[in-house]
Amino acid sequence: MNDPAARPTHAAVRAWIVGLLAEILDVAPDRIDPDTPLDLLGVDSATTLVICAGARDELGLPLRPKEVFEHFTADALARHLTAPLPAEAGSR
């Protein structure tokens, strides 16, 4: 997914993460605050792997478990996943 125009927006990625967490945790999406630390929501290492696989398979965005732990809210993770790639930042 090298075309910046084809990359999902921050809002779309955040909504996807919240929706995925809601499904995994069996709660309504509106019960998940995107600014709550993921560990407080019950995210563990297994859930982290599901998030990484989903980001790759459904969003076309590579994500390593380490990155989930470094950006440990749904909002922070969405910002990380939608940040300009180094090549994009240099072309502006």
C-alpha atoms as a PDB file:
ATOM      1  CA  MET A   1       0.000   0.000   0.000  1.00  0.00           C
ATOM      2  CA  ASN A   2       2.467   2.614  -1.203  1.00  0.00           C
ATOM      3  CA  ASP A   3      -0.160   4.983  -2.609  1.00  0.00           C
ATOM      4  CA  PRO A   4      -0.871   7.562   0.125  1.00  0.00           C
ATOM      5  CA  ALA A   5      -4.315   8.214  -1.363  1.00  0.00           C
ATOM      6  CA  ALA A   6      -5.203   4.539  -0.812  1.00  0.00           C
ATOM      7  CA  ARG A   7      -4.175   4.540   2.850  1.00  0.00           C
ATOM      8  CA  PRO A   8      -7.015   4.616   5.374  1.00  0.00           C
ATOM      9  CA  THR A   9      -7.611   7.734   7.454  1.00  0.00           C
ATOM     10  CA  HIS A  10      -6.928   8.075  11.163  1.00  0.00           C
ATOM     11  CA  ALA A  11     -10.673   8.070  11.891  1.00  0.00           C
ATOM     12  CA  ALA A  12     -11.232   4.925   9.822  1.00  0.00           C
ATOM     13  CA  VAL A  13      -8.350   3.069  11.479  1.00  0.00           C
ATOM     14  CA  ARG A  14      -9.443   4.161  14.951  1.00  0.00           C
ATOM     15  CA  ALA A  15     -13.000   2.996  14.235  1.00  0.00           C
ATOM     16  CA  TRP A  16     -11.647  -0.317  12.941  1.00  0.00           C
ATOM     17  CA  ILE A  17      -9.527  -0.840  16.081  1.00  0.00           C
ATOM     18  CA  VAL A  18     -12.448   0.054  18.362  1.00  0.00           C
ATOM     19  CA  GLY A  19     -14.749  -2.268  16.403  1.00  0.00           C
ATOM     20  CA  LEU A  20     -12.269  -5.123  16.554  1.00  0.00           C
ATOM     21  CA  LEU A  21     -11.754  -4.653  20.282  1.00  0.00           C
ATOM     22  CA  ALA A  22     -15.519  -4.510  20.832  1.00  0.00           C
ATOM     23  CA  GLU A  23     -15.929  -7.778  18.965  1.00  0.00           C
ATOM     24  CA  ILE A  24     -13.092  -9.498  20.834  1.00  0.00           C
ATOM     25  CA  LEU A  25     -14.174  -8.184  24.238  1.00  0.00           C
ATOM     26  CA  ASP A  26     -17.887  -8.747  23.502  1.00  0.00           C
ATOM     27  CA  VAL A  27     -18.971  -5.183  24.270  1.00  0.00           C
ATOM     28  CA  ALA A  28     -20.639  -2.447  22.234  1.00  0.00           C
ATOM     29  CA  PRO A  29     -18.156  -0.255  20.341  1.00  0.00           C
ATOM     30  CA  ASP A  30     -19.472   2.847  22.119  1.00  0.00           C
ATOM     31  CA  ARG A  31     -18.308   1.302  25.417  1.00  0.00           C
ATOM     32  CA  ILE A  32     -14.677   1.541  24.281  1.00  0.00           C
ATOM     33  CA  ASP A  33     -12.942   4.866  24.847  1.00  0.00           C
ATOM     34  CA  PRO A  34     -10.187   5.250  22.203  1.00  0.00           C
ATOM     35  CA  ASP A  35      -8.029   7.022  24.808  1.00  0.00           C
ATOM     36  CA  THR A  36      -8.161   4.224  27.393  1.00  0.00           C
ATOM     37  CA  PRO A  37      -4.947   2.207  27.631  1.00  0.00           C
ATOM     38  CA  LEU A  38      -5.468  -1.090  25.879  1.00  0.00           C
ATOM     39  CA  ASP A  39      -4.309  -3.138  28.868  1.00  0.00           C
ATOM     40  CA  LEU A  40      -7.112  -1.603  30.941  1.00  0.00           C
ATOM     41  CA  LEU A  41      -9.531  -2.816  28.266  1.00  0.00           C
ATOM     42  CA  GLY A  42      -8.232  -6.375  28.639  1.00  0.00           C
ATOM     43  CA  VAL A  43      -5.861  -6.467  25.677  1.00  0.00           C
ATOM     44  CA  ASP A  44      -3.174  -9.085  26.201  1.00  0.00           C
ATOM     45  CA  SER A  45      -0.463 -10.614  24.034  1.00  0.00           C
ATOM     46  CA  ALA A  46      -2.940 -12.857  22.189  1.00  0.00           C
ATOM     47  CA  THR A  47      -5.221  -9.904  21.432  1.00  0.00           C
ATOM     48  CA  THR A  48      -2.195  -7.944  20.262  1.00  0.00           C
ATOM     49  CA  LEU A  49      -1.454 -10.651  17.683  1.00  0.00           C
ATOM     50  CA  VAL A  50      -5.058 -10.496  16.468  1.00  0.00           C
ATOM     51  CA  ILE A  51      -4.756  -6.701  16.088  1.00  0.00           C
ATOM     52  CA  CYS A  52      -1.517  -7.088  14.122  1.00  0.00           C
ATOM     53  CA  ALA A  53      -2.975  -9.746  11.811  1.00  0.00           C
ATOM     54  CA  GLY A  54      -6.113  -7.691  11.250  1.00  0.00           C
ATOM     55  CA  ALA A  55      -4.173  -4.520  10.477  1.00  0.00           C
ATOM     56  CA  ARG A  56      -2.221  -6.457   7.863  1.00  0.00           C
ATOM     57  CA  ASP A  57      -5.104  -8.452   6.395  1.00  0.00           C
ATOM     58  CA  GLU A  58      -7.962  -5.965   6.581  1.00  0.00           C
ATOM     59  CA  LEU A  59      -6.225  -2.603   6.362  1.00  0.00           C
ATOM     60  CA  GLY A  60      -3.102  -3.545   4.432  1.00  0.00           C
ATOM     61  CA  LEU A  61      -0.969  -1.919   7.124  1.00  0.00           C
ATOM     62  CA  PRO A  62       2.035  -3.704   8.606  1.00  0.00           C
ATOM     63  CA  LEU A  63       2.045  -3.760  12.395  1.00  0.00           C
ATOM     64  CA  ARG A  64       4.342  -5.493  14.858  1.00  0.00           C
ATOM     65  CA  PRO A  65       3.334  -6.394  18.423  1.00  0.00           C
ATOM     66  CA  LYS A  66       6.058  -4.084  19.736  1.00  0.00           C
ATOM     67  CA  GLU A  67       4.337  -1.158  18.006  1.00  0.00           C
ATOM     68  CA  VAL A  68       1.036  -1.971  19.715  1.00  0.00           C
ATOM     69  CA  PHE A  69       2.766  -1.787  23.096  1.00  0.00           C
ATOM     70  CA  GLU A  70       4.501   1.490  22.140  1.00  0.00           C
ATOM     71  CA  HIS A  71       1.205   3.125  21.040  1.00  0.00           C
ATOM     72  CA  PHE A  72      -1.056   1.658  23.665  1.00  0.00           C
ATOM     73  CA  THR A  73      -4.440   3.287  23.096  1.00  0.00           C
ATOM     74  CA  ALA A  74      -6.720   2.823  20.098  1.00  0.00           C
ATOM     75  CA  ASP A  75      -6.238   6.495  19.205  1.00  0.00           C
ATOM     76  CA  ALA A  76      -2.437   6.432  19.528  1.00  0.00           C
ATOM     77  CA  LEU A  77      -2.222   3.218  17.536  1.00  0.00           C
ATOM     78  CA  ALA A  78      -4.423   4.679  14.788  1.00  0.00           C
ATOM     79  CA  ARG A  79      -2.217   7.790  14.649  1.00  0.00           C
ATOM     80  CA  HIS A  80       0.855   5.591  14.352  1.00  0.00           C
ATOM     81  CA  LEU A  81      -0.663   3.497  11.572  1.00  0.00           C
ATOM     82  CA  THR A  82      -1.747   6.543   9.573  1.00  0.00           C
ATOM     83  CA  ALA A  83       1.368   8.664  10.095  1.00  0.00           C
ATOM     84  CA  PRO A  84       3.121   9.648   6.878  1.00  0.00           C
ATOM     85  CA  LEU A  85       5.687   7.123   5.773  1.00  0.00           C
ATOM     86  CA  PRO A  86       9.283   8.422   5.656  1.00  0.00           C
ATOM     87  CA  ALA A  87       9.197   8.568   1.843  1.00  0.00           C
ATOM     88  CA  GLU A  88       5.925  10.544   1.960  1.00  0.00           C
ATOM     89  CA  ALA A  89       7.250  13.040   4.482  1.00  0.00           C
ATOM     90  CA  GLY A  90      10.333  13.697   2.373  1.00  0.00           C
ATOM     91  CA  SER A  91       8.362  14.288  -0.813  1.00  0.00           C
ATOM     92  CA  ARG A  92       6.395  17.239   0.571  1.00  0.00           C
END
